[in-house]
Protein backbone atom coordinates (compact mmCIF):
# COMPACT_ATOMS: atom_id res chain seq x y z
CA MET A 1 -148.30 57.36 6.48
CA ALA A 2 -146.35 54.39 8.16
CA PHE A 3 -143.90 54.00 5.62
CA GLN A 4 -142.91 58.64 5.67
CA ALA A 5 -142.47 57.82 9.51
CA LEU A 6 -140.43 55.18 8.85
CA ILE A 7 -138.13 57.26 6.29
CA GLN A 8 -137.97 60.40 9.03
CA THR A 9 -136.86 57.50 12.02
CA MET A 10 -134.14 56.38 9.80
CA THR A 11 -132.98 59.85 8.46
CA ALA A 12 -132.73 61.10 12.07
CA PHE A 13 -130.86 57.97 13.17
CA ASN A 14 -128.70 58.98 10.05
CA ASP A 15 -128.28 62.51 11.26
CA VAL A 16 -127.20 61.60 15.36
CA HIS A 17 -124.98 59.29 14.11
CA ASP A 18 -123.03 61.79 11.88
CA ALA A 19 -123.76 64.38 14.90
CA LEU A 20 -120.98 61.81 16.65
CA CYS A 21 -118.78 61.29 13.83
CA GLU A 22 -118.34 64.77 14.52
CA LEU A 23 -118.13 65.06 17.88
CA ALA A 24 -115.36 62.00 17.09
CA GLU A 25 -113.46 64.17 14.70
CA GLU A 26 -113.32 66.96 17.32
CA LYS A 27 -112.71 64.66 20.57
CA LYS A 28 -109.62 63.27 18.29
CA GLN A 29 -108.35 66.95 17.65
CA VAL A 30 -108.99 67.39 21.57
CA LEU A 31 -107.11 63.82 22.83
CA ILE A 32 -104.29 65.15 20.43
CA HIS A 33 -103.64 68.58 22.30
CA ASN A 34 -104.76 67.67 25.38
CA ASP A 35 -107.62 69.48 26.50
CA VAL A 36 -109.41 67.78 29.19
CA GLU A 37 -111.92 70.59 29.59
CA ARG A 38 -113.30 70.13 26.67
CA LEU A 39 -112.99 66.50 26.30
CA THR A 40 -116.06 66.60 29.30
CA GLN A 41 -117.80 69.09 27.28
CA ILE A 42 -117.67 66.52 24.15
CA VAL A 43 -118.36 63.48 26.42
CA ALA A 44 -121.18 64.93 27.75
CA LYS A 45 -122.66 65.44 24.14
CA GLU A 46 -121.95 62.19 22.90
CA ASN A 47 -124.05 61.16 26.33
CA LYS A 48 -127.38 63.48 25.00
CA LEU A 49 -126.34 62.36 21.39
CA ILE A 50 -126.74 57.90 22.45
CA LYS A 51 -129.93 59.32 24.76
CA GLN A 52 -131.30 59.97 21.55
CA LEU A 53 -130.61 57.31 19.42
CA GLY A 54 -132.31 55.18 22.25
CA GLU A 55 -135.46 57.43 21.94
CA LEU A 56 -134.88 56.65 18.71
CA ASP A 57 -134.76 52.98 19.09
CA GLN A 58 -138.06 52.83 20.73
CA GLN A 59 -139.87 55.50 17.88
CA ARG A 60 -138.03 52.81 15.54
CA LEU A 61 -139.60 50.05 16.90
CA LYS A 62 -143.48 51.75 17.25
CA VAL A 63 -142.97 53.05 13.75
CA ILE A 64 -141.97 49.05 12.74
CA GLY A 65 -144.85 47.44 14.25
CA GLU A 66 -147.49 50.46 12.58
CA PHE A 67 -145.89 49.66 9.14
CA LEU A 68 -146.50 45.93 9.27
CA MET A 69 -149.84 46.46 10.79
CA GLU A 70 -150.73 48.87 7.32
CA LYS A 71 -149.16 45.96 5.51
CA GLY A 72 -151.46 42.91 7.14
CA TYR A 73 -148.73 41.66 9.35
CA LYS A 74 -148.14 41.18 12.63
CA PRO A 75 -145.98 43.53 14.54
CA ASN A 76 -142.26 41.66 15.32
CA PRO A 77 -139.41 43.85 17.30
CA LYS A 78 -136.70 41.57 15.78
CA VAL A 79 -138.02 43.06 11.91
CA THR A 80 -134.65 44.39 10.46
CA VAL A 81 -134.70 47.11 7.67
CA SER A 82 -133.75 44.15 5.22
CA ASP A 83 -136.91 41.92 6.22
CA LEU A 84 -139.02 45.11 5.15
CA THR A 85 -138.06 45.55 1.58
CA LYS A 86 -138.63 41.77 1.30
CA ILE A 87 -142.35 43.26 2.14
CA ILE A 88 -142.17 46.29 0.28
CA PHE A 89 -143.64 45.92 -3.40
CA ASN A 90 -143.21 49.56 -3.88
CA MET A 91 -139.68 49.98 -6.44
CA GLU A 92 -138.71 53.31 -5.22
CA GLU A 93 -140.14 53.21 -1.75
CA LYS A 94 -137.91 49.71 -1.69
CA LYS A 95 -134.81 52.27 -3.24
CA THR A 96 -135.09 54.94 -0.81
CA LEU A 97 -135.47 52.36 2.31
CA LEU A 98 -132.24 50.73 0.52
CA ALA A 99 -130.59 53.91 0.01
CA LEU A 100 -131.02 55.24 3.92
CA GLN A 101 -130.21 51.94 5.54
CA LYS A 102 -127.21 51.77 3.01
CA GLN A 103 -125.81 55.47 4.34
CA LEU A 104 -126.90 54.55 7.57
CA LEU A 105 -124.51 51.81 7.54
CA GLY A 106 -122.04 53.33 6.00
CA THR A 107 -121.83 56.05 8.79
CA ILE A 108 -121.99 53.35 11.54
CA ARG A 109 -118.55 51.80 9.90
CA LYS A 110 -116.89 55.44 9.34
CA LEU A 111 -118.08 55.85 13.28
CA ARG A 112 -116.47 52.88 15.01
CA GLU A 113 -113.44 53.56 12.62
CA MET A 114 -113.38 56.59 14.05
CA ASN A 115 -114.27 55.51 17.91
CA GLN A 116 -111.39 52.43 17.45
CA LEU A 117 -108.83 55.81 16.45
CA ASN A 118 -109.84 57.54 19.35
CA GLN A 119 -109.27 54.75 20.99
CA GLN A 120 -106.12 54.37 20.42
CA LEU A 121 -104.69 57.57 21.44
CA ILE A 122 -106.49 57.45 24.87
CA GLU A 123 -104.10 53.68 25.58
CA HIS A 124 -100.77 55.79 24.17
CA SER A 125 -101.50 58.90 26.01
CA LEU A 126 -101.93 56.32 28.95
CA SER A 127 -98.94 54.46 28.31
CA PHE A 128 -97.09 57.60 28.24
CA ILE A 129 -98.59 58.75 31.82
CA ASP A 130 -97.66 54.92 32.97
CA TYR A 131 -94.11 55.51 31.57
CA SER A 132 -93.35 59.38 32.80
CA LEU A 133 -94.77 57.74 36.35
CA ASP A 134 -92.35 55.18 36.11
CA LEU A 135 -89.71 57.79 35.60
CA ILE A 136 -90.19 59.84 38.44
CA VAL A 137 -91.49 57.16 40.83
CA GLY A 138 -89.54 53.91 39.64
CA PRO A 139 -91.11 50.92 38.69
CA PRO A 140 -93.58 49.34 41.12
CA ASP A 141 -92.10 47.00 42.37
CA ASP A 142 -93.94 44.19 45.43
CA GLU A 143 -94.44 46.16 48.45
CA ALA A 144 -97.71 44.11 48.54
CA PHE A 145 -95.34 41.65 50.14
CA TYR A 146 -93.19 41.54 53.05
CA HIS A 147 -89.43 41.34 52.25
CA LYS A 148 -86.76 41.31 55.17
CA PRO A 149 -84.55 44.83 54.30
CA GLN A 150 -81.34 44.54 52.38
CA HIS A 151 -78.72 47.12 52.84
CA ASN A 152 -76.11 48.32 51.06
CA ALA A 153 -72.55 48.83 51.46
CA ARG A 154 -73.64 52.13 53.76
CA GLY A 155 -76.10 50.16 55.93
CA ASN A 156 -79.11 52.53 53.99
CA ASN A 157 -82.08 50.62 52.09
CA LYS A 158 -82.09 51.01 48.35
CA ARG A 159 -84.48 53.46 47.13
CA LEU A 160 -85.98 53.61 43.58
CA GLY A 161 -86.48 57.14 41.31
CA ILE A 162 -86.78 60.01 43.06
CA PHE A 163 -89.30 60.31 45.98
CA ASP A 164 -88.95 57.75 48.89
CA THR A 165 -92.08 55.69 48.79
CA ARG A 166 -91.99 54.55 52.64
CA ALA A 167 -92.81 57.72 53.98
């Protein structure tokens, strides 16, 4: 009984991670096309799925505890799926659990790679924005400290960029 609940929980974990992968792919396209409104919607969906993962993790702890008690062991929240396979002697159950573990690890690896790519896209976008601002306003100078005004040949203060930052 507890084994089926464990299988259902592992399957649900994989389903949520698959949904996160789909959102990561969609997020990549949104970042490329600079659709901020759609990006906000995706982030909201991601937050819901992450909350769901937290709930599934609590359920996983409960199910593992029940499974261990069913097998005559003391419940331990630090037990991993690899640890569980050592106490499962039914080969079909062991194969099922290992297959689900492998599938989940593959999905998590794929999600991690997609998130790294999206992070790079965001960093490139921020670099471009910073570069664009430098072109418009001029490079940042050390205005935090007082400097004696320097005058050029006509006596005007030196200005960088299009905007007068003293205003």
